[in-house]
Amino acid sequence: MENKNKIQKENNNLALQNYETLKGELSKILENQRISKKKQDQILETTQRGFIGIALRNEEFLKSNQQLKEQLDEVLKELNAIKEERQEKEARRNRKRLPKRDPMTAEIYTELIRAAERPTYINLQTRMALCILAVTEIRINELLPLKVSQLETLFKENWIAIDRSKRGPSNHKVFLTKEGKKLFRTDKKIFNSSF
């Protein structure tokens, strides 16, 4: 039994030594785990801060992207407006124009004057309008608002200031045509009778 006790004591001593060694190793492992946990916490905190920073930057990028999109929309609207204007101008340039008219000939003029030879006021007014249209080639809607002073200028100085009814300068000078000068010389009695 003594042997047994001795063996048991030795086993206990060995177990105690092994236990101490194991206890030391376990405490080292626990310490390493604590250090590792702290590092993990630090890494986690750093990662969280990084994600928060990325989220804030992402929000800034979204706002900036929205502003750029609005600016692009405005630029596209202006570009479309410019394109439409160019298309309208191109359409105006390419529109079908009426052929140039030949000026009123002396034969046509004499026939029209002969048709309005009665001595009434309306016939005199008609003859006068026909004469002015023949000698200047102005439009009827430019003829209607003429004043007597403008007509006197036509007979004295061979030109007349006309207010434009269509596009172009607001007013312009109209001169006697070649046919108009001939008619003006030959038919002075019509012009003189009205003044």
Protein backbone atom coordinates (compact mmCIF):
# COMPACT_ATOMS: atom_id res chain seq x y z
CA MET A 1 0.00 0.00 0.00
CA GLU A 2 2.74 2.25 0.56
CA ASN A 3 3.72 1.72 -2.94
CA LYS A 4 0.29 2.48 -3.97
CA ASN A 5 0.28 5.66 -1.95
CA LYS A 6 3.61 6.62 -3.34
CA ILE A 7 2.45 6.02 -6.85
CA GLN A 8 -0.68 7.93 -6.12
CA LYS A 9 1.29 10.87 -4.68
CA GLU A 10 3.56 10.84 -7.68
CA ASN A 11 0.56 10.74 -9.97
CA ASN A 12 -0.97 13.60 -8.01
CA ASN A 13 2.29 15.55 -8.31
CA LEU A 14 2.42 14.84 -12.02
CA ALA A 15 -1.21 15.74 -12.39
CA LEU A 16 -0.58 18.91 -10.40
CA GLN A 17 2.37 19.81 -12.60
CA ASN A 18 0.36 19.04 -15.70
CA TYR A 19 -2.52 21.04 -14.28
CA GLU A 20 -0.22 24.02 -13.59
CA THR A 21 1.20 23.80 -17.11
CA LEU A 22 -2.26 23.50 -18.56
CA LYS A 23 -3.48 26.34 -16.38
CA GLY A 24 -0.60 28.54 -17.61
CA GLU A 25 -1.31 27.65 -21.23
CA LEU A 26 -5.04 28.22 -20.78
CA SER A 27 -4.43 31.61 -19.21
CA LYS A 28 -2.18 32.52 -22.15
CA ILE A 29 -4.90 31.41 -24.57
CA LEU A 30 -7.50 33.43 -22.66
CA GLU A 31 -5.23 36.47 -22.67
CA ASN A 32 -4.65 36.07 -26.42
CA GLN A 33 -8.42 35.76 -26.91
CA ARG A 34 -8.96 38.97 -24.90
CA ILE A 35 -6.35 40.77 -26.99
CA SER A 36 -7.83 39.32 -30.14
CA LYS A 37 -11.34 40.40 -29.00
CA LYS A 38 -10.06 43.95 -28.42
CA LYS A 39 -8.49 43.96 -31.88
CA GLN A 40 -11.71 42.62 -33.37
CA ASP A 41 -13.67 45.33 -31.56
CA GLN A 42 -11.26 47.95 -32.86
CA ILE A 43 -11.51 46.55 -36.39
CA LEU A 44 -15.31 46.45 -36.08
CA GLU A 45 -15.42 50.05 -34.87
CA THR A 46 -13.08 51.19 -37.65
CA THR A 47 -15.17 49.30 -40.21
CA GLN A 48 -18.38 50.86 -38.86
CA ARG A 49 -16.83 54.34 -39.07
CA GLY A 50 -15.72 53.58 -42.61
CA PHE A 51 -19.21 52.46 -43.61
CA ILE A 52 -20.71 55.56 -42.00
CA GLY A 53 -18.24 57.72 -43.98
CA ILE A 54 -19.07 55.87 -47.18
CA ALA A 55 -22.80 56.33 -46.53
CA LEU A 56 -22.33 60.08 -45.97
CA ARG A 57 -20.24 60.38 -49.12
CA ASN A 58 -22.78 58.35 -51.03
CA GLU A 59 -25.48 60.79 -49.95
CA GLU A 60 -23.31 63.72 -51.13
CA PHE A 61 -22.75 61.95 -54.45
CA LEU A 62 -26.49 61.37 -54.84
CA LYS A 63 -27.22 65.07 -54.23
CA SER A 64 -24.48 66.08 -56.65
CA ASN A 65 -25.77 63.58 -59.20
CA GLN A 66 -29.30 65.01 -58.86
CA GLN A 67 -28.01 68.56 -59.40
CA LEU A 68 -26.06 67.48 -62.47
CA LYS A 69 -29.13 65.68 -63.80
CA GLU A 70 -31.24 68.83 -63.40
CA GLN A 71 -28.56 70.89 -65.17
CA LEU A 72 -28.44 68.34 -67.98
CA ASP A 73 -32.24 68.51 -68.32
CA GLU A 74 -32.07 72.30 -68.63
CA VAL A 75 -29.32 72.09 -71.22
CA LEU A 76 -31.31 69.50 -73.18
CA LYS A 77 -34.40 71.74 -73.11
CA GLU A 78 -32.37 74.67 -74.43
CA LEU A 79 -30.77 72.45 -77.08
CA ASN A 80 -34.20 71.19 -78.20
CA ALA A 81 -35.47 74.78 -78.38
CA ILE A 82 -32.49 75.74 -80.55
CA LYS A 83 -33.08 72.69 -82.77
CA GLU A 84 -36.75 73.63 -83.17
CA GLU A 85 -35.82 77.21 -84.09
CA ARG A 86 -33.35 75.94 -86.69
CA GLN A 87 -35.96 73.58 -88.12
CA GLU A 88 -38.49 76.41 -88.32
CA LYS A 89 -35.95 78.63 -90.07
CA GLU A 90 -35.07 75.81 -92.45
CA ALA A 91 -38.76 75.24 -93.15
CA ARG A 92 -39.21 78.96 -93.83
CA ARG A 93 -36.22 78.94 -96.16
CA ASN A 94 -37.51 75.91 -98.04
CA ARG A 95 -41.13 76.98 -98.26
CA LYS A 96 -42.69 77.18 -101.65
CA ARG A 97 -42.57 80.73 -102.88
CA LEU A 98 -44.86 82.31 -105.38
CA PRO A 99 -43.25 83.07 -108.73
CA LYS A 100 -42.26 86.66 -109.37
CA ARG A 101 -45.03 88.62 -111.00
CA ASP A 102 -44.53 90.63 -114.09
CA PRO A 103 -45.24 94.30 -113.56
CA MET A 104 -48.48 95.68 -114.87
CA THR A 105 -48.10 96.40 -118.56
CA ALA A 106 -49.35 99.53 -120.26
CA GLU A 107 -52.09 97.57 -122.05
CA ILE A 108 -53.49 96.14 -118.82
CA TYR A 109 -53.28 99.55 -117.18
CA THR A 110 -55.18 101.32 -119.98
CA GLU A 111 -57.90 98.65 -119.94
CA LEU A 112 -58.37 99.04 -116.20
CA ILE A 113 -58.44 102.83 -116.38
CA ARG A 114 -60.93 102.71 -119.26
CA ALA A 115 -63.20 100.51 -117.11
CA ALA A 116 -63.19 103.16 -114.35
CA GLU A 117 -63.61 106.35 -116.48
CA ARG A 118 -66.93 107.59 -115.13
CA PRO A 119 -66.69 110.90 -113.24
CA THR A 120 -67.90 109.61 -109.87
CA TYR A 121 -65.86 109.77 -106.67
CA ILE A 122 -65.58 105.97 -106.42
CA ASN A 123 -64.28 105.72 -110.00
CA LEU A 124 -61.77 108.51 -109.33
CA GLN A 125 -60.63 106.68 -106.19
CA THR A 126 -60.37 103.42 -108.14
CA ARG A 127 -58.35 105.08 -110.93
CA MET A 128 -56.04 106.64 -108.39
CA ALA A 129 -55.50 103.30 -106.61
CA LEU A 130 -54.83 101.56 -109.95
CA CYS A 131 -52.35 104.25 -110.93
CA ILE A 132 -50.44 104.01 -107.65
CA LEU A 133 -50.40 100.22 -107.80
CA ALA A 134 -49.16 100.38 -111.40
CA VAL A 135 -46.41 102.92 -110.86
CA THR A 136 -45.02 101.57 -107.56
CA GLU A 137 -45.94 97.86 -107.39
CA ILE A 138 -46.83 98.13 -103.71
CA ARG A 139 -49.30 95.75 -102.14
CA ILE A 140 -52.93 96.67 -101.66
CA ASN A 141 -52.67 96.44 -97.88
CA GLU A 142 -49.77 98.92 -98.08
CA LEU A 143 -51.84 101.19 -100.33
CA LEU A 144 -54.86 101.47 -98.04
CA PRO A 145 -53.26 103.45 -95.16
CA LEU A 146 -51.50 105.98 -97.45
CA LYS A 147 -52.00 109.66 -96.67
CA VAL A 148 -52.29 112.56 -99.12
CA SER A 149 -48.90 113.94 -98.04
CA GLN A 150 -47.27 110.62 -98.95
CA LEU A 151 -48.89 110.71 -102.39
CA GLU A 152 -47.68 114.29 -102.94
CA THR A 153 -44.15 113.08 -102.15
CA LEU A 154 -44.58 110.36 -104.78
CA PHE A 155 -45.54 112.87 -107.48
CA LYS A 156 -42.91 115.46 -106.55
CA GLU A 157 -39.90 113.32 -105.67
CA ASN A 158 -40.70 109.97 -107.38
CA TRP A 159 -40.60 107.95 -104.15
CA ILE A 160 -42.95 107.24 -101.28
CA ALA A 161 -42.38 106.12 -97.67
CA ILE A 162 -44.42 102.97 -96.94
CA ASP A 163 -45.15 101.34 -93.60
CA ARG A 164 -44.56 97.62 -94.10
CA SER A 165 -47.41 95.24 -93.44
CA LYS A 166 -45.25 92.11 -93.64
CA ARG A 167 -41.86 91.18 -92.26
CA GLY A 168 -38.94 93.46 -92.82
CA PRO A 169 -38.07 96.98 -91.77
CA SER A 170 -40.90 98.96 -90.23
CA ASN A 171 -40.97 101.38 -93.16
CA HIS A 172 -39.17 101.69 -96.46
CA LYS A 173 -39.02 103.81 -99.59
CA VAL A 174 -40.74 102.69 -102.75
CA PHE A 175 -39.63 104.25 -106.03
CA LEU A 176 -41.42 104.51 -109.34
CA THR A 177 -40.88 101.53 -111.64
CA LYS A 178 -39.74 101.94 -115.26
CA GLU A 179 -43.29 101.32 -116.44
CA GLY A 180 -44.52 103.65 -113.72
CA LYS A 181 -42.29 106.49 -114.93
CA LYS A 182 -43.62 106.06 -118.47
CA LEU A 183 -47.22 106.03 -117.22
CA PHE A 184 -46.55 109.00 -114.99
CA ARG A 185 -45.27 111.04 -117.96
CA THR A 186 -48.08 110.04 -120.32
CA ASP A 187 -51.01 110.13 -117.89
CA LYS A 188 -50.28 113.23 -115.83
CA LYS A 189 -53.90 114.35 -116.18
CA ILE A 190 -55.12 111.51 -113.93
CA PHE A 191 -52.62 112.37 -111.26
CA ASN A 192 -53.23 116.12 -111.57
CA SER A 193 -57.00 115.75 -111.51
CA SER A 194 -56.91 114.09 -108.15
CA PHE A 195 -54.90 116.87 -106.53
